[in-house]
């Protein structure tokens, strides 16, 4: 069972960052979290991805790319609403999927408060975001 003080970062409508990952930035981000990180196991990651895909299908949103990592999620989405609504729907449906599968039994949400949301205004930004999400997240996970 997961601890009650854990959370997962959620990133949506991501554009390629201009900064490379380094220890100082990682340390800053870890201190900025109000709760410690959750590490999503393979089954949890599969359930989260399934929930995101189902949410997009039901709501008629276009899911361009999704990559569920052990401690964060990237998604590139076109939706007829504001990014906050997309993020909240993804979090709620992902939590429901994990709870129904008995993969998250804690009463608290696994997600960090908020999440990164960015608009993509050009086709080039869209293409770069898709490449970033699909190919620039490190080694594929099992």
N, C-alpha and C. Protein backbone atom coordinates (compact mmCIF):
# COMPACT_ATOMS: atom_id res chain seq x y z
N UNK A 1 0.84 -1.18 0.00
CA UNK A 1 0.00 0.00 0.00
C UNK A 1 0.88 1.24 0.00
N UNK A 2 0.50 2.27 -0.72
CA UNK A 2 1.27 3.49 -0.83
C UNK A 2 1.05 4.35 0.40
N UNK A 3 2.06 5.16 0.74
CA UNK A 3 1.94 6.09 1.86
C UNK A 3 1.02 7.23 1.50
N UNK A 4 0.42 7.86 2.51
CA UNK A 4 -0.52 8.95 2.29
C UNK A 4 0.16 10.25 1.90
N UNK A 5 1.47 10.35 2.06
CA UNK A 5 2.17 11.60 1.78
C UNK A 5 2.96 11.56 0.48
N UNK A 6 2.46 10.83 -0.50
CA UNK A 6 3.17 10.71 -1.76
C UNK A 6 2.39 11.36 -2.88
N UNK A 7 3.08 11.76 -3.94
CA UNK A 7 2.40 12.36 -5.08
C UNK A 7 3.19 12.12 -6.35
N UNK A 8 2.50 12.22 -7.49
CA UNK A 8 3.09 12.04 -8.81
C UNK A 8 2.91 13.33 -9.59
N UNK A 9 3.94 13.76 -10.27
CA UNK A 9 3.83 14.94 -11.11
C UNK A 9 3.10 14.63 -12.39
N UNK A 10 2.33 15.56 -12.89
CA UNK A 10 1.57 15.37 -14.12
C UNK A 10 1.86 16.54 -15.04
N UNK A 11 2.29 16.24 -16.26
CA UNK A 11 2.64 17.28 -17.22
C UNK A 11 1.78 17.09 -18.45
N UNK A 12 1.13 18.14 -18.89
CA UNK A 12 0.23 18.05 -20.03
C UNK A 12 0.51 19.17 -21.01
N UNK A 13 0.28 18.90 -22.30
CA UNK A 13 0.54 19.87 -23.36
C UNK A 13 1.98 20.39 -23.28
N UNK A 14 2.87 19.45 -23.25
CA UNK A 14 4.28 19.75 -23.01
C UNK A 14 4.98 20.26 -24.25
N UNK A 15 5.82 21.25 -24.08
CA UNK A 15 6.72 21.70 -25.14
C UNK A 15 8.13 21.34 -24.72
N UNK A 16 9.03 21.17 -25.67
CA UNK A 16 10.39 20.76 -25.32
C UNK A 16 11.06 21.79 -24.39
N UNK A 17 11.64 21.32 -23.29
CA UNK A 17 12.31 22.26 -22.39
C UNK A 17 13.63 22.73 -22.97
N UNK A 18 14.05 23.89 -22.56
CA UNK A 18 15.33 24.41 -23.03
C UNK A 18 16.45 24.06 -22.06
N UNK A 19 16.10 23.59 -20.86
CA UNK A 19 17.11 23.23 -19.88
C UNK A 19 17.30 21.72 -19.84
N UNK A 20 18.53 21.30 -19.65
CA UNK A 20 18.79 19.87 -19.48
C UNK A 20 18.62 19.52 -18.02
N UNK A 21 18.32 18.24 -17.75
CA UNK A 21 18.18 17.79 -16.38
C UNK A 21 19.53 17.84 -15.69
N UNK A 22 19.55 18.29 -14.45
CA UNK A 22 20.77 18.27 -13.67
C UNK A 22 20.41 18.06 -12.20
N UNK A 23 21.40 17.76 -11.40
CA UNK A 23 21.16 17.43 -9.99
C UNK A 23 20.57 18.61 -9.23
N UNK A 24 21.02 19.83 -9.49
CA UNK A 24 20.51 21.00 -8.77
C UNK A 24 19.03 21.22 -9.05
N UNK A 25 18.62 21.09 -10.32
CA UNK A 25 17.22 21.27 -10.65
C UNK A 25 16.37 20.16 -10.06
N UNK A 26 16.87 18.92 -10.09
CA UNK A 26 16.17 17.80 -9.50
C UNK A 26 15.97 18.03 -8.01
N UNK A 27 17.02 18.48 -7.33
CA UNK A 27 16.94 18.76 -5.89
C UNK A 27 15.91 19.86 -5.62
N UNK A 28 15.91 20.92 -6.41
CA UNK A 28 14.95 22.01 -6.24
C UNK A 28 13.52 21.50 -6.42
N UNK A 29 13.29 20.73 -7.47
CA UNK A 29 11.95 20.21 -7.73
C UNK A 29 11.48 19.28 -6.62
N UNK A 30 12.36 18.46 -6.10
CA UNK A 30 11.98 17.56 -5.01
C UNK A 30 11.62 18.33 -3.75
N UNK A 31 12.37 19.38 -3.44
CA UNK A 31 12.05 20.21 -2.27
C UNK A 31 10.75 20.96 -2.46
N UNK A 32 10.40 21.31 -3.71
CA UNK A 32 9.20 22.08 -3.99
C UNK A 32 7.93 21.26 -3.82
N UNK A 33 8.05 19.96 -3.90
CA UNK A 33 6.87 19.11 -3.73
C UNK A 33 6.46 19.08 -2.26
N UNK A 34 5.16 19.16 -2.02
CA UNK A 34 4.68 19.11 -0.64
C UNK A 34 4.67 17.68 -0.11
N UNK A 35 4.71 16.72 -0.99
CA UNK A 35 4.70 15.30 -0.61
C UNK A 35 5.79 14.59 -1.40
N UNK A 36 6.23 13.45 -0.90
CA UNK A 36 7.27 12.71 -1.60
C UNK A 36 6.70 12.04 -2.85
N UNK A 37 7.59 11.62 -3.72
CA UNK A 37 7.18 11.05 -5.00
C UNK A 37 6.67 9.62 -4.87
N UNK A 38 5.70 9.29 -5.69
CA UNK A 38 5.23 7.93 -5.86
C UNK A 38 5.98 7.37 -7.06
N UNK A 39 6.32 6.11 -7.02
CA UNK A 39 6.90 5.45 -8.17
C UNK A 39 5.85 4.52 -8.75
N UNK A 40 5.37 4.84 -9.94
CA UNK A 40 4.35 4.01 -10.58
C UNK A 40 4.98 2.73 -11.10
N UNK A 41 4.39 1.62 -10.71
CA UNK A 41 4.83 0.32 -11.21
C UNK A 41 4.23 0.09 -12.60
N UNK A 42 4.68 -0.96 -13.26
CA UNK A 42 4.27 -1.23 -14.65
C UNK A 42 2.75 -1.30 -14.79
N UNK A 43 2.06 -2.01 -13.90
CA UNK A 43 0.60 -2.14 -14.00
C UNK A 43 -0.08 -0.80 -13.80
N UNK A 44 0.40 -0.01 -12.85
CA UNK A 44 -0.17 1.32 -12.63
C UNK A 44 0.03 2.21 -13.85
N UNK A 45 1.23 2.15 -14.45
CA UNK A 45 1.49 2.96 -15.65
C UNK A 45 0.56 2.57 -16.79
N UNK A 46 0.34 1.27 -16.95
CA UNK A 46 -0.58 0.81 -18.01
C UNK A 46 -2.00 1.29 -17.75
N UNK A 47 -2.44 1.25 -16.50
CA UNK A 47 -3.79 1.71 -16.16
C UNK A 47 -3.94 3.22 -16.39
N UNK A 48 -2.92 3.98 -16.04
CA UNK A 48 -2.97 5.43 -16.25
C UNK A 48 -3.05 5.74 -17.74
N UNK A 49 -2.23 5.07 -18.54
CA UNK A 49 -2.29 5.31 -19.99
C UNK A 49 -3.65 4.93 -20.55
N UNK A 50 -4.19 3.81 -20.12
CA UNK A 50 -5.51 3.39 -20.57
C UNK A 50 -6.58 4.42 -20.19
N UNK A 51 -6.50 4.94 -18.98
CA UNK A 51 -7.47 5.95 -18.52
C UNK A 51 -7.37 7.22 -19.36
N UNK A 52 -6.16 7.64 -19.67
CA UNK A 52 -5.97 8.85 -20.49
C UNK A 52 -6.55 8.62 -21.88
N UNK A 53 -6.26 7.49 -22.48
CA UNK A 53 -6.79 7.19 -23.82
C UNK A 53 -8.31 7.12 -23.81
N UNK A 54 -8.90 6.47 -22.81
CA UNK A 54 -10.35 6.38 -22.72
C UNK A 54 -10.99 7.75 -22.51
N UNK A 55 -10.37 8.57 -21.67
CA UNK A 55 -10.89 9.92 -21.42
C UNK A 55 -10.92 10.72 -22.72
N UNK A 56 -9.85 10.64 -23.49
CA UNK A 56 -9.80 11.36 -24.76
C UNK A 56 -10.84 10.84 -25.74
N UNK A 57 -11.01 9.53 -25.78
CA UNK A 57 -11.99 8.95 -26.70
C UNK A 57 -13.41 9.37 -26.32
N UNK A 58 -13.76 9.28 -25.06
CA UNK A 58 -15.11 9.62 -24.60
C UNK A 58 -15.40 11.10 -24.81
N UNK A 59 -14.44 11.95 -24.55
CA UNK A 59 -14.64 13.40 -24.64
C UNK A 59 -14.33 13.97 -26.02
N UNK A 60 -13.95 13.09 -26.94
CA UNK A 60 -13.63 13.50 -28.32
C UNK A 60 -12.44 14.47 -28.36
N UNK A 61 -11.47 14.24 -27.49
CA UNK A 61 -10.22 14.99 -27.50
C UNK A 61 -9.22 14.23 -28.34
N UNK A 62 -8.33 14.94 -29.00
CA UNK A 62 -7.30 14.29 -29.82
C UNK A 62 -6.03 14.11 -28.99
N UNK A 63 -5.69 12.86 -28.74
CA UNK A 63 -4.47 12.54 -28.01
C UNK A 63 -3.36 12.31 -29.02
N UNK A 64 -2.41 13.24 -29.07
CA UNK A 64 -1.30 13.16 -30.02
C UNK A 64 -0.19 12.26 -29.50
N UNK A 65 0.07 12.32 -28.19
CA UNK A 65 1.14 11.52 -27.60
C UNK A 65 0.91 11.42 -26.11
N UNK A 66 1.31 10.27 -25.55
CA UNK A 66 1.27 10.09 -24.10
C UNK A 66 2.46 9.22 -23.72
N UNK A 67 3.06 9.55 -22.58
CA UNK A 67 4.18 8.77 -22.07
C UNK A 67 4.06 8.78 -20.54
N UNK A 68 3.72 7.63 -19.99
CA UNK A 68 3.57 7.50 -18.54
C UNK A 68 4.89 6.97 -17.98
N UNK A 69 5.54 7.79 -17.19
CA UNK A 69 6.82 7.43 -16.59
C UNK A 69 6.59 6.99 -15.14
N UNK A 70 7.65 6.69 -14.44
CA UNK A 70 7.49 6.21 -13.06
C UNK A 70 7.04 7.30 -12.10
N UNK A 71 7.37 8.56 -12.38
CA UNK A 71 6.99 9.63 -11.46
C UNK A 71 6.39 10.86 -12.12
N UNK A 72 6.04 10.76 -13.38
CA UNK A 72 5.35 11.85 -14.06
C UNK A 72 4.74 11.33 -15.36
N UNK A 73 3.84 12.11 -15.91
CA UNK A 73 3.16 11.74 -17.15
C UNK A 73 3.24 12.92 -18.11
N UNK A 74 3.54 12.63 -19.36
CA UNK A 74 3.49 13.64 -20.42
C UNK A 74 2.33 13.30 -21.35
N UNK A 75 1.56 14.30 -21.74
CA UNK A 75 0.50 14.09 -22.73
C UNK A 75 0.39 15.33 -23.60
N UNK A 76 0.20 15.10 -24.89
CA UNK A 76 -0.04 16.19 -25.84
C UNK A 76 -1.46 15.97 -26.34
N UNK A 77 -2.32 16.95 -26.10
CA UNK A 77 -3.76 16.80 -26.33
C UNK A 77 -4.32 18.04 -27.00
N UNK A 78 -5.25 17.82 -27.93
CA UNK A 78 -6.09 18.91 -28.43
C UNK A 78 -7.47 18.70 -27.84
N UNK A 79 -7.97 19.71 -27.14
CA UNK A 79 -9.27 19.59 -26.48
C UNK A 79 -10.05 20.89 -26.64
N UNK A 80 -11.36 20.78 -26.54
CA UNK A 80 -12.24 21.94 -26.70
C UNK A 80 -12.52 22.60 -25.36
N UNK A 81 -11.54 22.58 -24.47
CA UNK A 81 -11.68 23.19 -23.14
C UNK A 81 -10.29 23.62 -22.66
N UNK A 82 -10.27 24.24 -21.50
CA UNK A 82 -9.00 24.71 -20.95
C UNK A 82 -8.17 23.54 -20.42
N UNK A 83 -6.84 23.70 -20.39
CA UNK A 83 -5.95 22.63 -19.94
C UNK A 83 -6.24 22.13 -18.51
N UNK A 84 -6.70 23.01 -17.63
CA UNK A 84 -7.02 22.58 -16.26
C UNK A 84 -8.08 21.49 -16.26
N UNK A 85 -9.06 21.62 -17.11
CA UNK A 85 -10.13 20.61 -17.18
C UNK A 85 -9.57 19.28 -17.70
N UNK A 86 -8.69 19.34 -18.69
CA UNK A 86 -8.05 18.14 -19.23
C UNK A 86 -7.24 17.46 -18.13
N UNK A 87 -6.42 18.23 -17.45
CA UNK A 87 -5.57 17.70 -16.39
C UNK A 87 -6.41 17.05 -15.29
N UNK A 88 -7.46 17.73 -14.86
CA UNK A 88 -8.31 17.19 -13.80
C UNK A 88 -9.01 15.90 -14.25
N UNK A 89 -9.45 15.85 -15.48
CA UNK A 89 -10.10 14.64 -16.00
C UNK A 89 -9.11 13.48 -16.05
N UNK A 90 -7.88 13.75 -16.50
CA UNK A 90 -6.86 12.70 -16.55
C UNK A 90 -6.55 12.18 -15.15
N UNK A 91 -6.37 13.09 -14.19
CA UNK A 91 -6.07 12.67 -12.82
C UNK A 91 -7.21 11.85 -12.23
N UNK A 92 -8.44 12.35 -12.37
CA UNK A 92 -9.59 11.66 -11.78
C UNK A 92 -9.78 10.27 -12.38
N UNK A 93 -9.74 10.18 -13.69
CA UNK A 93 -9.97 8.89 -14.34
C UNK A 93 -8.82 7.91 -14.13
N UNK A 94 -7.60 8.42 -14.06
CA UNK A 94 -6.45 7.56 -13.78
C UNK A 94 -6.53 7.00 -12.36
N UNK A 95 -6.91 7.85 -11.42
CA UNK A 95 -7.06 7.39 -10.03
C UNK A 95 -8.16 6.34 -9.94
N UNK A 96 -9.28 6.60 -10.60
CA UNK A 96 -10.40 5.64 -10.58
C UNK A 96 -9.96 4.30 -11.15
N UNK A 97 -9.26 4.31 -12.29
CA UNK A 97 -8.78 3.06 -12.89
C UNK A 97 -7.88 2.29 -11.93
N UNK A 98 -6.94 2.99 -11.29
CA UNK A 98 -6.02 2.32 -10.38
C UNK A 98 -6.76 1.78 -9.15
N UNK A 99 -7.72 2.54 -8.63
CA UNK A 99 -8.47 2.06 -7.47
C UNK A 99 -9.33 0.85 -7.82
N UNK A 100 -9.98 0.88 -8.97
CA UNK A 100 -10.81 -0.25 -9.38
C UNK A 100 -9.97 -1.51 -9.55
N UNK A 101 -8.73 -1.35 -9.97
CA UNK A 101 -7.83 -2.49 -10.17
C UNK A 101 -7.06 -2.84 -8.88
N UNK A 102 -7.39 -2.16 -7.78
CA UNK A 102 -6.72 -2.38 -6.49
C UNK A 102 -5.23 -2.07 -6.55
N UNK A 103 -4.86 -1.11 -7.42
CA UNK A 103 -3.46 -0.70 -7.56
C UNK A 103 -3.18 0.62 -6.84
N UNK A 104 -4.22 1.24 -6.31
CA UNK A 104 -4.07 2.44 -5.48
C UNK A 104 -5.17 2.40 -4.45
N UNK A 105 -4.78 2.02 -3.22
CA UNK A 105 -5.78 1.83 -2.17
C UNK A 105 -5.78 2.95 -1.14
N UNK A 106 -4.94 3.92 -1.33
CA UNK A 106 -4.89 5.06 -0.43
C UNK A 106 -6.07 5.98 -0.71
N UNK A 107 -6.63 6.59 0.32
CA UNK A 107 -7.77 7.48 0.11
C UNK A 107 -7.35 8.82 -0.49
N UNK A 108 -6.09 9.19 -0.36
CA UNK A 108 -5.59 10.44 -0.94
C UNK A 108 -5.21 10.22 -2.40
N UNK A 109 -5.24 11.29 -3.15
CA UNK A 109 -4.86 11.23 -4.55
C UNK A 109 -3.35 11.01 -4.67
N UNK A 110 -2.93 10.26 -5.68
CA UNK A 110 -1.49 10.08 -5.89
C UNK A 110 -0.83 11.28 -6.58
N UNK A 111 -1.62 12.22 -7.06
CA UNK A 111 -1.09 13.27 -7.92
C UNK A 111 -0.63 14.48 -7.15
N UNK A 112 0.44 15.10 -7.64
CA UNK A 112 0.89 16.38 -7.12
C UNK A 112 -0.17 17.43 -7.44
N UNK A 113 -0.22 18.46 -6.63
CA UNK A 113 -1.17 19.53 -6.89
C UNK A 113 -0.77 20.26 -8.17
N UNK A 114 -1.75 20.60 -8.99
CA UNK A 114 -1.49 21.30 -10.24
C UNK A 114 -0.82 20.40 -11.26
N UNK A 115 -0.05 20.99 -12.11
CA UNK A 115 0.65 20.29 -13.17
C UNK A 115 1.06 21.29 -14.22
N UNK A 116 2.01 20.94 -15.03
CA UNK A 116 2.48 21.84 -16.08
C UNK A 116 1.53 21.76 -17.26
N UNK A 117 1.07 22.92 -17.70
CA UNK A 117 0.15 22.99 -18.85
C UNK A 117 0.64 24.10 -19.77
N UNK A 118 0.83 23.76 -21.03
CA UNK A 118 1.31 24.74 -21.98
C UNK A 118 0.52 24.65 -23.27
N UNK A 119 0.24 25.77 -23.87
CA UNK A 119 -0.40 25.80 -25.18
C UNK A 119 0.64 25.64 -26.27
N UNK A 120 0.29 24.94 -27.31
CA UNK A 120 1.14 24.79 -28.49
C UNK A 120 0.45 25.57 -29.61
N UNK A 121 1.12 26.56 -30.14
CA UNK A 121 0.49 27.48 -31.08
C UNK A 121 0.81 27.18 -32.54
N UNK A 122 1.87 26.45 -32.80
CA UNK A 122 2.26 26.21 -34.19
C UNK A 122 2.41 24.71 -34.44
N UNK A 123 2.40 24.35 -35.71
CA UNK A 123 2.62 22.95 -36.07
C UNK A 123 4.01 22.49 -35.64
N UNK A 124 4.98 23.37 -35.75
CA UNK A 124 6.34 23.03 -35.32
C UNK A 124 6.38 22.72 -33.82
N UNK A 125 5.70 23.53 -33.02
CA UNK A 125 5.64 23.26 -31.58
C UNK A 125 4.96 21.92 -31.31
N UNK A 126 3.90 21.62 -32.03
CA UNK A 126 3.20 20.35 -31.87
C UNK A 126 4.12 19.18 -32.20
N UNK A 127 4.78 19.25 -33.35
CA UNK A 127 5.69 18.17 -33.76
C UNK A 127 6.81 17.99 -32.74
N UNK A 128 7.39 19.10 -32.29
CA UNK A 128 8.48 19.02 -31.30
C UNK A 128 7.99 18.42 -29.98
N UNK A 129 6.78 18.78 -29.57
CA UNK A 129 6.23 18.23 -28.32
C UNK A 129 5.99 16.73 -28.45
N UNK A 130 5.47 16.30 -29.57
CA UNK A 130 5.23 14.87 -29.79
C UNK A 130 6.55 14.10 -29.75
N UNK A 131 7.55 14.61 -30.43
CA UNK A 131 8.87 13.96 -30.44
C UNK A 131 9.42 13.92 -29.02
N UNK A 132 9.31 15.02 -28.30
CA UNK A 132 9.81 15.08 -26.93
C UNK A 132 9.13 14.03 -26.05
N UNK A 133 7.82 13.93 -26.14
CA UNK A 133 7.06 12.99 -25.31
C UNK A 133 7.36 11.55 -25.71
N UNK A 134 7.44 11.27 -26.97
CA UNK A 134 7.60 9.89 -27.43
C UNK A 134 9.05 9.40 -27.40
N UNK A 135 10.00 10.30 -27.64
CA UNK A 135 11.37 9.83 -27.86
C UNK A 135 12.42 10.39 -26.90
N UNK A 136 12.12 11.44 -26.17
CA UNK A 136 13.14 12.10 -25.35
C UNK A 136 12.90 11.94 -23.86
N UNK A 137 12.31 10.85 -23.45
CA UNK A 137 12.03 10.63 -22.03
C UNK A 137 12.93 9.58 -21.40
N UNK A 138 13.96 9.20 -22.08
CA UNK A 138 14.84 8.16 -21.57
C UNK A 138 14.46 6.81 -22.13
N UNK A 139 15.06 5.81 -21.55
CA UNK A 139 14.84 4.43 -22.02
C UNK A 139 13.37 4.04 -21.85
N UNK A 140 12.85 3.22 -22.77
CA UNK A 140 11.47 2.73 -22.61
C UNK A 140 11.35 1.93 -21.31
N UNK A 141 10.18 2.03 -20.69
CA UNK A 141 9.92 1.29 -19.46
C UNK A 141 9.19 0.00 -19.79
N UNK A 142 9.37 -1.00 -18.95
CA UNK A 142 8.68 -2.28 -19.15
C UNK A 142 7.20 -2.15 -18.90
